[in-house]
Amino acid sequence: MPTDKNEGSRPYWYAVYTRSKAERKVLAELERLGVIAYLPLVTRIKLWSDRKKKVIEPLFRSYLFVLSYESDHFKVVQTEGVLKIVGFGKKPVKIPDQQIEAIRFYVNDLTHEEEVGPENLNIGQLVRVKHGPMEGLIGRLIRNKNKFRLIVMIEAVGKSITINIPRTRVEAAPPEADS
């Protein structure tokens, strides 16, 4: 944690918006300047027609986080690749420590690699959970949350629940499941 520059104040987390695909270079330069920075990274499997490749990418494209005093913001925005510190109007927005910890927990807790590839599931289609704590359950795909996650409605005991599940954990349900 940086030393206290202003009596009675402390550093806060701020989101920094960077040029496209410059997150790692900005992170390295900020660290070289002595600024504490955090770039959450996730591993994904990219699928092409002829191969798969593991790729480590930022969780939030064009964003990283810095722990700094407001007096250090000039140094941050002068860093090559930084476009701005995210804020409302001209006031940078402080990010609560708990939100950064939640991001760290999410990134560290990822137990699967997200696949990007052909979209072969349709809204309304029955899907079966392939693995994980709900393995074997069959539900109806009600929408795509994004290219990695699905919203699936599962009926049990006369009630239906909606779950947010990684695309890699489901497959099309066998035809006999529709009866």
Protein backbone atom coordinates (compact mmCIF):
# COMPACT_ATOMS: atom_id res chain seq x y z
CA MET A 1 0.00 0.00 0.00
CA PRO A 2 1.43 3.44 -0.88
CA THR A 3 2.50 5.67 1.96
CA ASP A 4 0.15 8.41 3.09
CA LYS A 5 0.84 11.55 1.03
CA ASN A 6 -1.92 13.71 2.46
CA GLU A 7 -2.69 13.71 6.14
CA GLY A 8 -6.05 12.08 6.82
CA SER A 9 -6.40 10.63 3.34
CA ARG A 10 -5.72 7.27 1.79
CA PRO A 11 -5.33 5.95 -1.73
CA TYR A 12 -8.40 4.67 -3.56
CA TRP A 13 -8.96 2.37 -6.50
CA TYR A 14 -9.81 3.98 -9.84
CA ALA A 15 -10.60 2.47 -13.23
CA VAL A 16 -8.27 3.52 -16.03
CA TYR A 17 -9.40 3.43 -19.66
CA THR A 18 -6.61 2.49 -22.09
CA ARG A 19 -6.07 2.30 -25.81
CA SER A 20 -7.32 -0.92 -27.35
CA LYS A 21 -5.05 -3.89 -26.55
CA ALA A 22 -2.64 -1.68 -24.56
CA GLU A 23 -3.62 -2.95 -21.11
CA ARG A 24 -0.46 -5.02 -20.47
CA LYS A 25 1.90 -2.28 -21.66
CA VAL A 26 0.11 0.29 -19.50
CA LEU A 27 0.27 -2.08 -16.51
CA ALA A 28 4.02 -2.55 -16.95
CA GLU A 29 4.64 1.18 -17.32
CA LEU A 30 2.52 2.08 -14.28
CA GLU A 31 4.35 -0.51 -12.19
CA ARG A 32 7.67 0.90 -13.43
CA LEU A 33 6.52 4.32 -12.20
CA GLY A 34 5.69 2.85 -8.78
CA VAL A 35 1.91 2.95 -9.19
CA ILE A 36 0.01 -0.05 -7.83
CA ALA A 37 -2.11 -1.39 -10.69
CA TYR A 38 -4.31 -4.44 -11.21
CA LEU A 39 -5.22 -6.03 -14.53
CA PRO A 40 -7.65 -8.94 -14.08
CA LEU A 41 -6.85 -11.66 -16.63
CA VAL A 42 -8.80 -14.77 -17.66
CA THR A 43 -7.86 -17.77 -19.78
CA ARG A 44 -10.16 -18.55 -22.66
CA ILE A 45 -10.04 -21.16 -25.39
CA LYS A 46 -10.49 -19.64 -28.84
CA LEU A 47 -11.89 -22.01 -31.44
CA TRP A 48 -11.13 -21.70 -35.11
CA SER A 49 -12.25 -24.13 -37.80
CA ASP A 50 -8.89 -25.92 -37.68
CA ARG A 51 -7.59 -25.52 -34.11
CA LYS A 52 -8.05 -24.44 -30.50
CA LYS A 53 -5.74 -22.07 -28.70
CA LYS A 54 -5.56 -20.94 -25.07
CA VAL A 55 -5.49 -17.17 -24.83
CA ILE A 56 -5.00 -15.06 -21.71
CA GLU A 57 -7.07 -11.89 -22.04
CA PRO A 58 -8.13 -8.99 -19.83
CA LEU A 59 -11.45 -9.58 -18.10
CA PHE A 60 -12.45 -6.02 -19.07
CA ARG A 61 -11.01 -4.96 -22.41
CA SER A 62 -9.31 -1.55 -22.38
CA TYR A 63 -9.58 -1.22 -18.59
CA LEU A 64 -7.34 -1.76 -15.61
CA PHE A 65 -7.37 -0.48 -12.04
CA VAL A 66 -4.95 1.70 -10.09
CA LEU A 67 -4.61 2.28 -6.36
CA SER A 68 -3.60 5.88 -6.04
CA TYR A 69 -4.04 9.26 -4.43
CA GLU A 70 -5.78 11.95 -6.46
CA SER A 71 -2.48 13.83 -6.46
CA ASP A 72 -0.97 10.99 -8.56
CA HIS A 73 -3.63 11.11 -11.27
CA PHE A 74 -1.57 13.39 -13.51
CA LYS A 75 1.23 10.79 -13.53
CA VAL A 76 -1.32 8.06 -14.36
CA VAL A 77 -2.99 9.91 -17.26
CA GLN A 78 0.41 10.91 -18.68
CA THR A 79 1.36 7.24 -18.99
CA GLU A 80 1.57 6.13 -22.61
CA GLY A 81 -1.55 4.20 -23.60
CA VAL A 82 -3.80 5.70 -20.91
CA LEU A 83 -6.75 7.62 -22.32
CA LYS A 84 -8.40 8.69 -19.05
CA ILE A 85 -9.35 7.83 -15.51
CA VAL A 86 -13.01 6.84 -15.51
CA GLY A 87 -15.29 9.35 -13.85
CA PHE A 88 -18.42 11.45 -14.03
CA GLY A 89 -17.73 14.82 -15.56
CA LYS A 90 -14.24 15.74 -14.44
CA LYS A 91 -14.47 13.87 -11.13
CA PRO A 92 -12.75 10.43 -11.03
CA VAL A 93 -14.93 7.73 -9.52
CA LYS A 94 -13.51 5.90 -6.49
CA ILE A 95 -14.05 2.15 -6.62
CA PRO A 96 -14.72 0.51 -3.25
CA ASP A 97 -12.07 -1.98 -2.11
CA GLN A 98 -14.79 -4.65 -1.86
CA GLN A 99 -15.49 -4.42 -5.61
CA ILE A 100 -11.81 -4.96 -6.45
CA GLU A 101 -11.75 -7.90 -4.03
CA ALA A 102 -14.88 -9.31 -5.69
CA ILE A 103 -13.15 -9.10 -9.09
CA ARG A 104 -10.05 -10.81 -7.66
CA PHE A 105 -12.25 -13.53 -6.14
CA TYR A 106 -14.09 -14.05 -9.44
CA VAL A 107 -10.86 -14.33 -11.44
CA ASN A 108 -9.24 -16.64 -8.89
CA ASP A 109 -12.39 -18.77 -8.58
CA LEU A 110 -12.75 -19.50 -12.28
CA THR A 111 -12.68 -23.26 -12.47
CA HIS A 112 -13.36 -23.50 -16.16
CA GLU A 113 -12.00 -22.03 -19.31
CA GLU A 114 -14.53 -20.17 -21.37
CA GLU A 115 -14.84 -21.34 -24.95
CA VAL A 116 -15.54 -19.09 -27.86
CA GLY A 117 -16.75 -20.91 -30.89
CA PRO A 118 -19.62 -21.98 -33.08
CA GLU A 119 -23.02 -21.14 -31.64
CA ASN A 120 -25.03 -24.34 -32.00
CA LEU A 121 -27.67 -23.83 -29.30
CA ASN A 122 -30.98 -22.07 -29.97
CA ILE A 123 -33.32 -20.16 -27.69
CA GLY A 124 -36.09 -22.51 -26.51
CA GLN A 125 -33.95 -25.61 -27.02
CA LEU A 126 -33.59 -28.19 -24.26
CA VAL A 127 -30.05 -28.44 -22.89
CA ARG A 128 -28.40 -30.82 -20.44
CA VAL A 129 -25.78 -29.80 -17.89
CA LYS A 130 -22.65 -31.84 -18.78
CA HIS A 131 -20.61 -31.33 -15.63
CA GLY A 132 -20.47 -29.37 -12.41
CA PRO A 133 -22.74 -29.46 -9.37
CA MET A 134 -25.92 -29.62 -11.52
CA GLU A 135 -24.68 -32.38 -13.85
CA GLY A 136 -27.50 -34.22 -15.61
CA LEU A 137 -30.19 -31.59 -15.10
CA ILE A 138 -32.17 -30.69 -18.19
CA GLY A 139 -33.47 -27.20 -18.77
CA ARG A 140 -34.64 -24.85 -21.50
CA LEU A 141 -32.29 -22.22 -22.91
CA ILE A 142 -34.14 -18.93 -22.46
CA ARG A 143 -31.44 -16.52 -23.59
CA ASN A 144 -27.75 -15.98 -24.25
CA LYS A 145 -26.27 -13.75 -21.57
CA ASN A 146 -23.15 -13.22 -23.67
CA LYS A 147 -20.91 -15.36 -25.86
CA PHE A 148 -19.68 -17.34 -22.82
CA ARG A 149 -22.75 -17.77 -20.62
CA LEU A 150 -26.34 -18.90 -20.97
CA ILE A 151 -29.50 -18.34 -18.97
CA VAL A 152 -31.24 -21.69 -18.52
CA MET A 153 -34.62 -22.36 -16.86
CA ILE A 154 -34.76 -25.64 -14.96
CA GLU A 155 -38.05 -27.01 -13.65
CA ALA A 156 -37.97 -29.01 -10.46
CA VAL A 157 -40.64 -29.89 -7.91
CA GLY A 158 -43.26 -27.91 -9.80
CA LYS A 159 -41.14 -24.74 -9.67
CA SER A 160 -38.73 -23.30 -12.18
CA ILE A 161 -35.42 -21.65 -11.41
CA THR A 162 -33.29 -19.60 -13.73
CA ILE A 163 -29.54 -20.19 -13.67
CA ASN A 164 -26.62 -18.40 -15.28
CA ILE A 165 -24.27 -21.13 -16.52
CA PRO A 166 -21.10 -21.27 -18.62
CA ARG A 167 -21.73 -22.38 -22.21
CA THR A 168 -18.97 -24.98 -21.80
CA ARG A 169 -21.03 -26.83 -19.18
CA VAL A 170 -24.10 -27.55 -21.33
CA GLU A 171 -24.93 -29.50 -24.46
CA ALA A 172 -28.05 -30.11 -26.51
CA ALA A 173 -30.32 -32.48 -24.59
CA PRO A 174 -31.03 -35.85 -26.20
CA PRO A 175 -34.34 -35.98 -28.13
CA GLU A 176 -35.98 -38.31 -25.59
CA ALA A 177 -35.67 -35.53 -22.96
CA ASP A 178 -38.38 -33.55 -24.78
CA SER A 179 -41.12 -36.03 -23.99
